[in-house]
């Protein structure tokens, strides 16, 4: 027996054009494009890098320590494993995201080739 028209119909769900998700995505994309334009010139690249580094002085030290600790692969990996025990369907997304982040970090370190902050020593405290 051949399937009739009712069984072959494909249902698609479209997101409305004026949704908040589209607006948020485009806003972030515009912001990233603006920062990309700033970093094309060597002078503005260094100024943007310095501004971003100095931004940490106005933030609470506990927040900065938390973000720095999340940069450690062991801490981030442990948190991701905890999340994957509840949402195992995210495994492929997490693997692709990890690969993309590793590539972005590698290329951005070369692209922004600017001097970092001097390391702190106990004598300077």
N, C-alpha and C. Protein backbone atom coordinates (compact mmCIF):
# COMPACT_ATOMS: atom_id res chain seq x y z
N UNK A 1 0.83 -1.16 0.00
CA UNK A 1 0.00 0.00 0.00
C UNK A 1 0.89 1.24 0.00
N UNK A 2 0.61 2.19 -0.84
CA UNK A 2 1.35 3.43 -0.93
C UNK A 2 0.84 4.43 0.10
N UNK A 3 1.76 5.21 0.67
CA UNK A 3 1.30 6.22 1.65
C UNK A 3 0.51 7.31 0.95
N UNK A 4 -0.50 7.79 1.61
CA UNK A 4 -1.28 8.87 1.02
C UNK A 4 -0.68 10.23 1.39
N UNK A 5 -1.30 11.24 0.91
CA UNK A 5 -0.78 12.61 1.07
C UNK A 5 -0.69 13.03 2.54
N UNK A 6 -1.59 12.60 3.37
CA UNK A 6 -1.61 13.00 4.78
C UNK A 6 -0.40 12.45 5.54
N UNK A 7 0.08 11.27 5.19
CA UNK A 7 1.20 10.67 5.90
C UNK A 7 2.55 11.17 5.41
N UNK A 8 2.61 11.77 4.25
CA UNK A 8 3.87 12.24 3.68
C UNK A 8 4.14 13.70 3.96
N UNK A 9 3.23 14.35 4.59
CA UNK A 9 3.38 15.79 4.84
C UNK A 9 4.49 16.04 5.85
N UNK A 10 5.37 16.98 5.56
CA UNK A 10 6.46 17.36 6.45
C UNK A 10 6.05 18.63 7.19
N UNK A 11 6.15 18.56 8.48
CA UNK A 11 5.77 19.70 9.30
C UNK A 11 7.02 20.50 9.62
N UNK A 12 7.01 21.76 9.33
CA UNK A 12 8.13 22.63 9.65
C UNK A 12 7.66 23.70 10.63
N UNK A 13 8.55 24.02 11.54
CA UNK A 13 8.26 25.06 12.52
C UNK A 13 9.18 26.23 12.21
N UNK A 14 8.59 27.35 11.91
CA UNK A 14 9.37 28.54 11.60
C UNK A 14 9.34 29.49 12.79
N UNK A 15 10.48 30.10 13.01
CA UNK A 15 10.56 31.08 14.07
C UNK A 15 10.09 32.42 13.52
N UNK A 16 9.31 33.17 14.28
CA UNK A 16 8.84 34.46 13.77
C UNK A 16 10.00 35.40 13.48
N UNK A 17 9.81 36.23 12.49
CA UNK A 17 10.86 37.16 12.07
C UNK A 17 11.20 38.19 13.12
N UNK A 18 10.27 38.56 13.95
CA UNK A 18 10.51 39.60 14.94
C UNK A 18 10.78 39.03 16.33
N UNK A 19 11.34 37.85 16.42
CA UNK A 19 11.56 37.24 17.73
C UNK A 19 12.79 37.85 18.40
N UNK A 20 12.86 37.70 19.73
CA UNK A 20 13.98 38.23 20.49
C UNK A 20 15.27 37.48 20.22
N UNK A 21 15.18 36.20 19.83
CA UNK A 21 16.37 35.42 19.55
C UNK A 21 17.10 35.99 18.34
N UNK A 22 16.36 36.31 17.29
CA UNK A 22 16.99 36.89 16.10
C UNK A 22 17.61 38.24 16.40
N UNK A 23 16.94 39.05 17.18
CA UNK A 23 17.46 40.37 17.52
C UNK A 23 18.72 40.25 18.37
N UNK A 24 18.73 39.35 19.34
CA UNK A 24 19.90 39.16 20.19
C UNK A 24 21.08 38.65 19.38
N UNK A 25 20.83 37.70 18.51
CA UNK A 25 21.90 37.15 17.69
C UNK A 25 22.51 38.22 16.79
N UNK A 26 21.66 39.02 16.16
CA UNK A 26 22.17 40.07 15.28
C UNK A 26 22.90 41.15 16.06
N UNK A 27 22.47 41.43 17.28
CA UNK A 27 23.15 42.42 18.12
C UNK A 27 24.56 41.95 18.48
N UNK A 28 24.67 40.69 18.87
CA UNK A 28 25.99 40.14 19.21
C UNK A 28 26.87 40.09 17.97
N UNK A 29 26.30 39.71 16.84
CA UNK A 29 27.07 39.67 15.60
C UNK A 29 27.57 41.06 15.21
N UNK A 30 26.74 42.07 15.37
CA UNK A 30 27.14 43.45 15.08
C UNK A 30 28.25 43.91 16.02
N UNK A 31 28.15 43.56 17.29
CA UNK A 31 29.18 43.92 18.27
C UNK A 31 30.52 43.26 17.93
N UNK A 32 30.48 41.98 17.59
CA UNK A 32 31.71 41.28 17.20
C UNK A 32 32.30 41.86 15.93
N UNK A 33 31.46 42.24 14.97
CA UNK A 33 31.96 42.86 13.75
C UNK A 33 32.62 44.20 14.06
N UNK A 34 32.03 44.97 14.98
CA UNK A 34 32.62 46.25 15.37
C UNK A 34 34.00 46.05 15.99
N UNK A 35 34.15 45.06 16.88
CA UNK A 35 35.46 44.78 17.46
C UNK A 35 36.44 44.27 16.41
N UNK A 36 35.94 43.55 15.43
CA UNK A 36 36.81 43.10 14.35
C UNK A 36 37.36 44.30 13.56
N UNK A 37 36.51 45.26 13.27
CA UNK A 37 36.96 46.46 12.55
C UNK A 37 38.00 47.21 13.38
N UNK A 38 37.79 47.28 14.71
CA UNK A 38 38.76 47.96 15.57
C UNK A 38 40.12 47.28 15.55
N UNK A 39 40.14 45.98 15.43
CA UNK A 39 41.41 45.26 15.51
C UNK A 39 42.12 45.14 14.17
N UNK A 40 41.54 45.63 13.11
CA UNK A 40 42.22 45.56 11.82
C UNK A 40 43.45 46.46 11.77
N UNK A 41 43.36 47.62 12.39
CA UNK A 41 44.48 48.55 12.44
C UNK A 41 45.38 48.19 13.63
N UNK A 42 46.69 48.22 13.43
CA UNK A 42 47.62 47.82 14.50
C UNK A 42 47.50 48.74 15.72
N UNK A 43 47.31 50.03 15.50
CA UNK A 43 47.22 50.97 16.62
C UNK A 43 45.95 50.74 17.44
N UNK A 44 44.81 50.63 16.76
CA UNK A 44 43.57 50.40 17.50
C UNK A 44 43.54 48.99 18.07
N UNK A 45 44.25 48.05 17.46
CA UNK A 45 44.34 46.70 18.00
C UNK A 45 44.98 46.74 19.38
N UNK A 46 46.11 47.45 19.52
CA UNK A 46 46.81 47.55 20.79
C UNK A 46 45.99 48.33 21.82
N UNK A 47 45.32 49.40 21.37
CA UNK A 47 44.48 50.18 22.29
C UNK A 47 43.29 49.36 22.79
N UNK A 48 42.67 48.59 21.90
CA UNK A 48 41.54 47.74 22.30
C UNK A 48 42.00 46.67 23.27
N UNK A 49 43.14 46.08 23.00
CA UNK A 49 43.70 45.05 23.88
C UNK A 49 44.00 45.64 25.26
N UNK A 50 44.59 46.82 25.29
CA UNK A 50 44.90 47.47 26.57
C UNK A 50 43.63 47.83 27.33
N UNK A 51 42.62 48.36 26.62
CA UNK A 51 41.36 48.71 27.27
C UNK A 51 40.72 47.47 27.87
N UNK A 52 40.74 46.36 27.13
CA UNK A 52 40.13 45.13 27.61
C UNK A 52 40.87 44.59 28.83
N UNK A 53 42.21 44.71 28.84
CA UNK A 53 42.99 44.27 29.99
C UNK A 53 42.74 45.15 31.20
N UNK A 54 42.60 46.47 31.01
CA UNK A 54 42.37 47.39 32.12
C UNK A 54 40.94 47.31 32.65
N UNK A 55 40.05 46.69 31.88
CA UNK A 55 38.66 46.55 32.32
C UNK A 55 38.58 45.72 33.59
N UNK A 56 39.52 44.81 33.78
CA UNK A 56 39.51 43.95 34.96
C UNK A 56 39.72 44.69 36.26
N UNK A 57 40.33 45.86 36.23
CA UNK A 57 40.57 46.62 37.45
C UNK A 57 39.27 47.11 38.08
N UNK A 58 38.23 47.29 37.27
CA UNK A 58 36.96 47.80 37.79
C UNK A 58 36.01 46.67 38.21
N UNK A 59 36.39 45.42 37.99
CA UNK A 59 35.55 44.29 38.36
C UNK A 59 35.98 43.72 39.71
N UNK A 60 35.09 43.07 40.44
CA UNK A 60 35.46 42.46 41.72
C UNK A 60 36.48 41.34 41.51
N UNK A 61 37.42 41.23 42.44
CA UNK A 61 38.49 40.23 42.28
C UNK A 61 37.95 38.81 42.36
N UNK A 62 36.89 38.59 43.12
CA UNK A 62 36.30 37.25 43.20
C UNK A 62 35.77 36.78 41.86
N UNK A 63 35.17 37.69 41.11
CA UNK A 63 34.66 37.36 39.78
C UNK A 63 35.80 37.01 38.84
N UNK A 64 36.87 37.80 38.89
CA UNK A 64 38.02 37.54 38.03
C UNK A 64 38.68 36.22 38.37
N UNK A 65 38.77 35.89 39.66
CA UNK A 65 39.35 34.61 40.06
C UNK A 65 38.48 33.45 39.59
N UNK A 66 37.16 33.61 39.64
CA UNK A 66 36.26 32.56 39.16
C UNK A 66 36.41 32.33 37.67
N UNK A 67 36.48 33.41 36.92
CA UNK A 67 36.65 33.29 35.47
C UNK A 67 38.00 32.67 35.14
N UNK A 68 39.05 33.06 35.87
CA UNK A 68 40.37 32.49 35.66
C UNK A 68 40.37 31.00 35.98
N UNK A 69 39.67 30.63 37.05
CA UNK A 69 39.60 29.22 37.42
C UNK A 69 38.84 28.41 36.37
N UNK A 70 37.81 29.00 35.74
CA UNK A 70 37.09 28.30 34.68
C UNK A 70 37.96 28.11 33.44
N UNK A 71 38.99 28.93 33.28
CA UNK A 71 39.91 28.77 32.16
C UNK A 71 40.77 27.53 32.29
N UNK A 72 40.87 27.01 33.49
CA UNK A 72 41.61 25.77 33.69
C UNK A 72 40.79 24.62 33.10
N UNK A 73 41.41 23.80 32.29
CA UNK A 73 40.69 22.73 31.60
C UNK A 73 40.08 21.71 32.54
N UNK A 74 40.72 21.47 33.67
CA UNK A 74 40.21 20.47 34.61
C UNK A 74 38.90 20.95 35.24
N UNK A 75 38.85 22.20 35.65
CA UNK A 75 37.63 22.74 36.26
C UNK A 75 36.50 22.78 35.24
N UNK A 76 36.78 23.30 34.06
CA UNK A 76 35.74 23.37 33.03
C UNK A 76 35.29 21.97 32.62
N UNK A 77 36.22 21.04 32.50
CA UNK A 77 35.86 19.68 32.13
C UNK A 77 34.99 19.01 33.17
N UNK A 78 35.28 19.24 34.46
CA UNK A 78 34.47 18.66 35.53
C UNK A 78 33.05 19.22 35.49
N UNK A 79 32.91 20.52 35.27
CA UNK A 79 31.57 21.11 35.18
C UNK A 79 30.81 20.59 33.97
N UNK A 80 31.50 20.41 32.87
CA UNK A 80 30.84 19.89 31.66
C UNK A 80 30.41 18.44 31.88
N UNK A 81 31.26 17.64 32.53
CA UNK A 81 30.87 16.25 32.80
C UNK A 81 29.64 16.17 33.70
N UNK A 82 29.55 17.07 34.67
CA UNK A 82 28.37 17.11 35.53
C UNK A 82 27.12 17.42 34.70
N UNK A 83 27.24 18.38 33.80
CA UNK A 83 26.10 18.73 32.94
C UNK A 83 25.74 17.58 32.00
N UNK A 84 26.75 16.86 31.49
CA UNK A 84 26.49 15.77 30.55
C UNK A 84 25.82 14.57 31.21
N UNK A 85 25.94 14.43 32.53
CA UNK A 85 25.25 13.34 33.19
C UNK A 85 23.74 13.55 33.15
N UNK A 86 23.30 14.80 33.09
CA UNK A 86 21.88 15.10 33.02
C UNK A 86 21.40 15.26 31.58
N UNK A 87 22.26 15.74 30.70
CA UNK A 87 21.89 15.98 29.30
C UNK A 87 22.89 15.29 28.39
N UNK A 88 22.77 13.98 28.27
CA UNK A 88 23.74 13.23 27.46
C UNK A 88 23.61 13.53 25.97
N UNK A 89 22.49 14.06 25.53
CA UNK A 89 22.33 14.40 24.12
C UNK A 89 23.19 15.61 23.73
N UNK A 90 23.77 16.30 24.69
CA UNK A 90 24.63 17.45 24.40
C UNK A 90 26.07 17.03 24.08
N UNK A 91 26.39 15.76 24.11
CA UNK A 91 27.77 15.30 23.96
C UNK A 91 28.40 15.81 22.67
N UNK A 92 27.73 15.64 21.54
CA UNK A 92 28.30 16.08 20.26
C UNK A 92 28.44 17.59 20.20
N UNK A 93 27.48 18.30 20.76
CA UNK A 93 27.58 19.77 20.79
C UNK A 93 28.78 20.22 21.61
N UNK A 94 28.98 19.54 22.74
CA UNK A 94 30.11 19.89 23.60
C UNK A 94 31.43 19.59 22.90
N UNK A 95 31.52 18.47 22.22
CA UNK A 95 32.76 18.14 21.51
C UNK A 95 33.07 19.13 20.39
N UNK A 96 32.06 19.49 19.63
CA UNK A 96 32.26 20.47 18.54
C UNK A 96 32.62 21.83 19.12
N UNK A 97 31.95 22.23 20.20
CA UNK A 97 32.24 23.51 20.83
C UNK A 97 33.66 23.54 21.39
N UNK A 98 34.09 22.44 21.99
CA UNK A 98 35.45 22.37 22.53
C UNK A 98 36.48 22.50 21.42
N UNK A 99 36.24 21.83 20.31
CA UNK A 99 37.16 21.92 19.17
C UNK A 99 37.21 23.35 18.62
N UNK A 100 36.04 23.97 18.45
CA UNK A 100 36.01 25.35 17.94
C UNK A 100 36.70 26.32 18.89
N UNK A 101 36.49 26.16 20.19
CA UNK A 101 37.13 27.04 21.17
C UNK A 101 38.64 26.88 21.15
N UNK A 102 39.11 25.64 21.05
CA UNK A 102 40.56 25.41 20.99
C UNK A 102 41.16 26.07 19.76
N UNK A 103 40.49 25.97 18.62
CA UNK A 103 40.99 26.61 17.40
C UNK A 103 40.96 28.13 17.52
N UNK A 104 39.87 28.67 18.07
CA UNK A 104 39.77 30.13 18.22
C UNK A 104 40.85 30.67 19.15
N UNK A 105 41.09 29.99 20.26
CA UNK A 105 42.12 30.45 21.19
C UNK A 105 43.48 30.43 20.50
N UNK A 106 43.77 29.38 19.76
CA UNK A 106 45.06 29.27 19.09
C UNK A 106 45.25 30.41 18.08
N UNK A 107 44.22 30.67 17.26
CA UNK A 107 44.35 31.70 16.23
C UNK A 107 44.29 33.10 16.82
N UNK A 108 43.47 33.33 17.85
CA UNK A 108 43.39 34.67 18.44
C UNK A 108 44.68 35.03 19.16
N UNK A 109 45.36 34.07 19.76
CA UNK A 109 46.63 34.37 20.40
C UNK A 109 47.64 34.87 19.38
N UNK A 110 47.62 34.30 18.20
CA UNK A 110 48.53 34.77 17.15
C UNK A 110 48.06 36.09 16.57
N UNK A 111 46.75 36.27 16.40
CA UNK A 111 46.21 37.49 15.78
C UNK A 111 46.42 38.71 16.66
N UNK A 112 46.20 38.58 17.96
CA UNK A 112 46.32 39.70 18.88
C UNK A 112 47.73 39.82 19.44
N UNK A 113 48.70 39.35 18.80
CA UNK A 113 50.08 39.28 19.26
C UNK A 113 50.51 40.59 19.92
N UNK A 114 50.01 40.82 21.12
CA UNK A 114 50.30 42.04 21.88
C UNK A 114 50.87 41.64 23.23
N UNK A 115 51.67 42.50 23.83
CA UNK A 115 52.25 42.15 25.14
C UNK A 115 51.17 42.07 26.21
N UNK A 116 51.28 41.08 27.06
CA UNK A 116 50.33 40.91 28.14
C UNK A 116 50.75 41.71 29.36
N UNK A 117 50.01 41.56 30.42
CA UNK A 117 50.35 42.24 31.66
C UNK A 117 51.59 41.59 32.27
N UNK A 118 52.42 42.36 32.96
CA UNK A 118 53.59 41.74 33.60
C UNK A 118 53.15 40.81 34.72
N UNK A 119 53.86 39.72 34.91
CA UNK A 119 53.46 38.78 35.99
C UNK A 119 53.70 39.40 37.36
N UNK A 120 52.82 39.04 38.29
CA UNK A 120 52.94 39.54 39.64
C UNK A 120 53.93 38.68 40.42
N UNK A 121 54.68 39.31 41.26
CA UNK A 121 55.58 38.58 42.15
C UNK A 121 55.25 38.99 43.59
N UNK A 122 55.69 38.22 44.54
CA UNK A 122 55.40 38.52 45.94
C UNK A 122 56.06 39.82 46.39
N UNK A 123 57.17 40.19 45.77
CA UNK A 123 57.84 41.41 46.16
C UNK A 123 57.09 42.66 45.70
N UNK A 124 56.24 42.53 44.66
CA UNK A 124 55.50 43.71 44.18
C UNK A 124 54.19 43.92 44.93
N UNK A 125 53.80 42.98 45.78
CA UNK A 125 52.54 43.10 46.52
C UNK A 125 52.70 43.90 47.76
